[in-house]
C-alpha atoms as a PDB file:
ATOM      1  CA  MET A   1      -6.788 -17.027  -8.694  1.00  0.00           C
ATOM      2  CA  GLN A   2      -9.417 -15.118  -6.553  1.00  0.00           C
ATOM      3  CA  VAL A   3      -9.389 -11.598  -6.687  1.00  0.00           C
ATOM      4  CA  PRO A   4      -9.470  -9.836  -3.375  1.00  0.00           C
ATOM      5  CA  ALA A   5     -11.515  -6.343  -3.015  1.00  0.00           C
ATOM      6  CA  ILE A   6      -9.308  -3.590  -2.753  1.00  0.00           C
ATOM      7  CA  ASP A   7     -10.114  -3.088   1.139  1.00  0.00           C
ATOM      8  CA  GLU A   8      -9.275  -6.828   1.853  1.00  0.00           C
ATOM      9  CA  PRO A   9      -5.803  -8.210   2.601  1.00  0.00           C
ATOM     10  CA  VAL A  10      -3.866  -9.428  -0.324  1.00  0.00           C
ATOM     11  CA  LYS A  11      -2.879 -13.237   0.280  1.00  0.00           C
ATOM     12  CA  LEU A  12       0.546 -14.281  -1.080  1.00  0.00           C
ATOM     13  CA  SER A  13      -0.506 -17.290  -3.132  1.00  0.00           C
ATOM     14  CA  GLY A  14       1.137 -18.902  -6.150  1.00  0.00           C
ATOM     15  CA  PRO A  15       1.159 -16.189  -8.445  1.00  0.00           C
ATOM     16  CA  PHE A  16       2.999 -14.042  -5.844  1.00  0.00           C
ATOM     17  CA  TRP A  17       5.785 -16.630  -5.672  1.00  0.00           C
ATOM     18  CA  ALA A  18       6.161 -16.816  -9.340  1.00  0.00           C
ATOM     19  CA  THR A  19       6.433 -13.224  -9.458  1.00  0.00           C
ATOM     20  CA  LEU A  20       9.232 -13.537  -6.640  1.00  0.00           C
ATOM     21  CA  CYS A  21      10.861 -16.301  -8.529  1.00  0.00           C
ATOM     22  CA  LEU A  22      11.166 -14.213 -11.867  1.00  0.00           C
ATOM     23  CA  ALA A  23      12.353 -10.888  -9.892  1.00  0.00           C
ATOM     24  CA  GLU A  24      15.055 -13.253  -7.977  1.00  0.00           C
ATOM     25  CA  ALA A  25      16.147 -14.390 -11.333  1.00  0.00           C
ATOM     26  CA  ILE A  26      16.238 -10.851 -13.088  1.00  0.00           C
ATOM     27  CA  TYR A  27      17.916  -9.466  -9.854  1.00  0.00           C
ATOM     28  CA  CYS A  28      20.517 -12.036  -9.628  1.00  0.00           C
ATOM     29  CA  TRP A  29      21.392 -12.198 -13.299  1.00  0.00           C
ATOM     30  CA  TYR A  30      21.586  -8.311 -13.835  1.00  0.00           C
ATOM     31  CA  PHE A  31      23.500  -7.412 -10.500  1.00  0.00           C
ATOM     32  CA  ARG A  32      25.238 -10.533  -9.887  1.00  0.00           C
ATOM     33  CA  PRO A  33      25.761 -10.116  -6.089  1.00  0.00           C
ATOM     34  CA  TRP A  34      27.995 -12.969  -5.709  1.00  0.00           C
ATOM     35  CA  HIS A  35      30.743 -10.808  -7.265  1.00  0.00           C
ATOM     36  CA  TRP A  36      30.353  -8.030  -4.949  1.00  0.00           C
ATOM     37  CA  ASP A  37      33.173  -7.078  -2.600  1.00  0.00           C
ATOM     38  CA  TYR A  38      31.118  -6.898   0.741  1.00  0.00           C
ATOM     39  CA  PRO A  39      30.806  -9.594   3.572  1.00  0.00           C
ATOM     40  CA  ILE A  40      28.710 -12.694   2.420  1.00  0.00           C
ATOM     41  CA  TRP A  41      25.765 -11.905   4.642  1.00  0.00           C
ATOM     42  CA  TYR A  42      25.362  -8.739   3.013  1.00  0.00           C
ATOM     43  CA  ARG A  43      25.353 -10.395  -0.517  1.00  0.00           C
ATOM     44  CA  ILE A  44      22.721 -13.113   0.745  1.00  0.00           C
ATOM     45  CA  VAL A  45      20.492 -10.625   2.200  1.00  0.00           C
ATOM     46  CA  SER A  46      20.756  -7.768  -0.751  1.00  0.00           C
ATOM     47  CA  ALA A  47      20.014 -10.972  -2.990  1.00  0.00           C
ATOM     48  CA  VAL A  48      16.716 -11.803  -1.081  1.00  0.00           C
ATOM     49  CA  LEU A  49      15.361  -8.599   0.169  1.00  0.00           C
ATOM     50  CA  PHE A  50      15.469  -6.383  -2.705  1.00  0.00           C
ATOM     51  CA  PRO A  51      13.507  -8.799  -5.115  1.00  0.00           C
ATOM     52  CA  PHE A  52      11.094  -9.578  -2.375  1.00  0.00           C
ATOM     53  CA  LEU A  53      10.315  -6.117  -1.836  1.00  0.00           C
ATOM     54  CA  GLY A  54      10.032  -5.338  -5.704  1.00  0.00           C
ATOM     55  CA  ALA A  55       7.805  -8.467  -5.998  1.00  0.00           C
ATOM     56  CA  ILE A  56       5.543  -7.444  -3.004  1.00  0.00           C
ATOM     57  CA  ILE A  57       5.193  -3.919  -4.737  1.00  0.00           C
ATOM     58  CA  ILE A  58       4.467  -5.301  -8.192  1.00  0.00           C
ATOM     59  CA  TYR A  59       1.985  -8.065  -7.223  1.00  0.00           C
ATOM     60  CA  CYS A  60       0.319  -5.501  -4.591  1.00  0.00           C
ATOM     61  CA  VAL A  61       0.056  -2.841  -7.295  1.00  0.00           C
ATOM     62  CA  THR A  62      -1.147  -5.273  -9.817  1.00  0.00           C
ATOM     63  CA  MET A  63      -3.824  -6.951  -7.601  1.00  0.00           C
ATOM     64  CA  PHE A  64      -5.252  -3.518  -6.713  1.00  0.00           C
ATOM     65  CA  PHE A  65      -5.777  -2.634 -10.498  1.00  0.00           C
ATOM     66  CA  VAL A  66      -7.077  -6.172 -11.082  1.00  0.00           C
ATOM     67  CA  SER A  67      -9.340  -5.717  -8.455  1.00  0.00           C
ATOM     68  CA  ILE A  68     -10.718  -2.419  -9.912  1.00  0.00           C
ATOM     69  CA  VAL A  69     -11.019  -3.422 -13.329  1.00  0.00           C
ATOM     70  CA  MET A  70     -12.770  -7.045 -12.740  1.00  0.00           C
ATOM     71  CA  ASN A  71     -15.289  -5.593 -10.241  1.00  0.00           C
ATOM     72  CA  PHE A  72     -15.423  -1.708 -10.242  1.00  0.00           C
ATOM     73  CA  ARG A  73     -19.126  -1.495  -9.697  1.00  0.00           C
ATOM     74  CA  SER A  74     -18.951  -2.760  -6.370  1.00  0.00           C
ATOM     75  CA  GLN A  75     -15.396  -1.218  -5.843  1.00  0.00           C
ATOM     76  CA  LYS A  76     -16.318   2.332  -6.710  1.00  0.00           C
ATOM     77  CA  GLN A  77     -18.140   2.701  -3.220  1.00  0.00           C
ATOM     78  CA  THR A  78     -15.140   1.724  -1.366  1.00  0.00           C
ATOM     79  CA  MET A  79     -13.041   4.029  -3.525  1.00  0.00           C
ATOM     80  CA  ALA A  80     -15.421   6.710  -2.639  1.00  0.00           C
ATOM     81  CA  LEU A  81     -15.279   6.285   1.064  1.00  0.00           C
ATOM     82  CA  PHE A  82     -11.362   6.066   0.929  1.00  0.00           C
ATOM     83  CA  PHE A  83     -11.249   9.482  -0.876  1.00  0.00           C
ATOM     84  CA  PHE A  84     -13.885  11.271   1.614  1.00  0.00           C
ATOM     85  CA  ALA A  85     -11.620  10.078   4.404  1.00  0.00           C
ATOM     86  CA  ILE A  86      -8.379  11.447   2.560  1.00  0.00           C
ATOM     87  CA  ALA A  87     -10.352  14.967   1.910  1.00  0.00           C
ATOM     88  CA  VAL A  88     -11.395  15.298   5.502  1.00  0.00           C
ATOM     89  CA  SER A  89      -7.962  14.421   6.771  1.00  0.00           C
ATOM     90  CA  GLY A  90      -6.570  16.954   3.977  1.00  0.00           C
ATOM     91  CA  ILE A  91      -9.074  19.707   5.262  1.00  0.00           C
ATOM     92  CA  VAL A  92      -7.718  19.176   9.043  1.00  0.00           C
ATOM     93  CA  LEU A  93      -4.250  19.333   7.761  1.00  0.00           C
ATOM     94  CA  ALA A  94      -4.956  22.342   6.019  1.00  0.00           C
ATOM     95  CA  PHE A  95      -6.642  24.133   8.843  1.00  0.00           C
ATOM     96  CA  ALA A  96      -3.477  23.307  10.863  1.00  0.00           C
ATOM     97  CA  TRP A  97      -1.040  24.659   8.325  1.00  0.00           C
ATOM     98  CA  VAL A  98      -3.158  27.836   8.273  1.00  0.00           C
ATOM     99  CA  LYS A  99      -3.040  28.193  12.165  1.00  0.00           C
ATOM    100  CA  ALA A 100       0.583  27.530  12.071  1.00  0.00           C
ATOM    101  CA  GLY A 101       0.838  30.572  10.113  1.00  0.00           C
ATOM    102  CA  PHE A 102       1.906  28.710   6.782  1.00  0.00           C
ATOM    103  CA  ARG A 103       4.754  27.234   7.991  1.00  0.00           C
ATOM    104  CA  ASN A 104       5.470  23.330   9.132  1.00  0.00           C
ATOM    105  CA  VAL A 105       2.391  21.652  10.029  1.00  0.00           C
ATOM    106  CA  PRO A 106       2.773  20.134  13.741  1.00  0.00           C
ATOM    107  CA  PRO A 107       3.415  16.770  14.133  1.00  0.00           C
ATOM    108  CA  ALA A 108       0.387  16.114  16.476  1.00  0.00           C
ATOM    109  CA  ALA A 109      -1.966  17.500  13.827  1.00  0.00           C
ATOM    110  CA  THR A 110      -0.529  14.976  11.202  1.00  0.00           C
ATOM    111  CA  PHE A 111      -0.943  12.300  13.567  1.00  0.00           C
ATOM    112  CA  VAL A 112      -4.731  13.417  14.392  1.00  0.00           C
ATOM    113  CA  ALA A 113      -5.153  13.638  10.535  1.00  0.00           C
ATOM    114  CA  GLY A 114      -3.976  10.369   9.883  1.00  0.00           C
ATOM    115  CA  TYR A 115      -6.045   8.687  12.860  1.00  0.00           C
ATOM    116  CA  LEU A 116      -9.125  10.611  11.863  1.00  0.00           C
ATOM    117  CA  ALA A 117      -8.817   9.028   7.934  1.00  0.00           C
ATOM    118  CA  SER A 118      -8.236   5.476   9.410  1.00  0.00           C
ATOM    119  CA  THR A 119     -11.296   5.876  11.621  1.00  0.00           C
ATOM    120  CA  LEU A 120     -13.530   7.336   9.368  1.00  0.00           C
ATOM    121  CA  PHE A 121     -12.917   5.025   6.383  1.00  0.00           C
ATOM    122  CA  SER A 122     -13.498   2.073   8.837  1.00  0.00           C
ATOM    123  CA  TYR A 123     -16.502   3.697  10.450  1.00  0.00           C
ATOM    124  CA  LEU A 124     -18.168   4.203   7.052  1.00  0.00           C
ATOM    125  CA  ARG A 125     -16.965   0.892   5.789  1.00  0.00           C
ATOM    126  CA  ARG A 126     -18.338  -1.070   8.359  1.00  0.00           C
ATOM    127  CA  LYS A 127     -21.709   1.085   8.383  1.00  0.00           C
ATOM    128  CA  ARG A 128     -22.214   0.462   4.923  1.00  0.00           C
ATOM    129  CA  GLN A 129     -21.778  -3.327   5.607  1.00  0.00           C
ATOM    130  CA  ASN A 130     -24.008  -3.224   8.585  1.00  0.00           C
ATOM    131  CA  PRO A 131     -26.756  -1.082   7.620  1.00  0.00           C
ATOM    132  CA  ASN A 132     -28.815  -1.591  10.875  1.00  0.00           C
END
């Protein structure tokens, strides 16, 4: 199994499908959706959807920590870039919160902060990969 870096997409390979089969077995054994008094489509969707979402969460979190543990030296710069982008967007949100009189932050400010964090992280990551 090839472990991706923390800023690469996770591919749903064999270990994911094994996790999904295990989650399906545990969910169906514990909750027994075929005994519910709901329409058949509801039972089928719940028997498939909830274990799939659980398997995605378990697999992605596990791959994140495995990626950090297996290659921490090259991952720490990506993590630092991520936390820097989050800190900058947090400063923007804090400024908007103070400007709003310590009340609810305007939705436009949260959009700007999220867009700023995403753009800044992408720019810094690209700049790190292409030092020209």
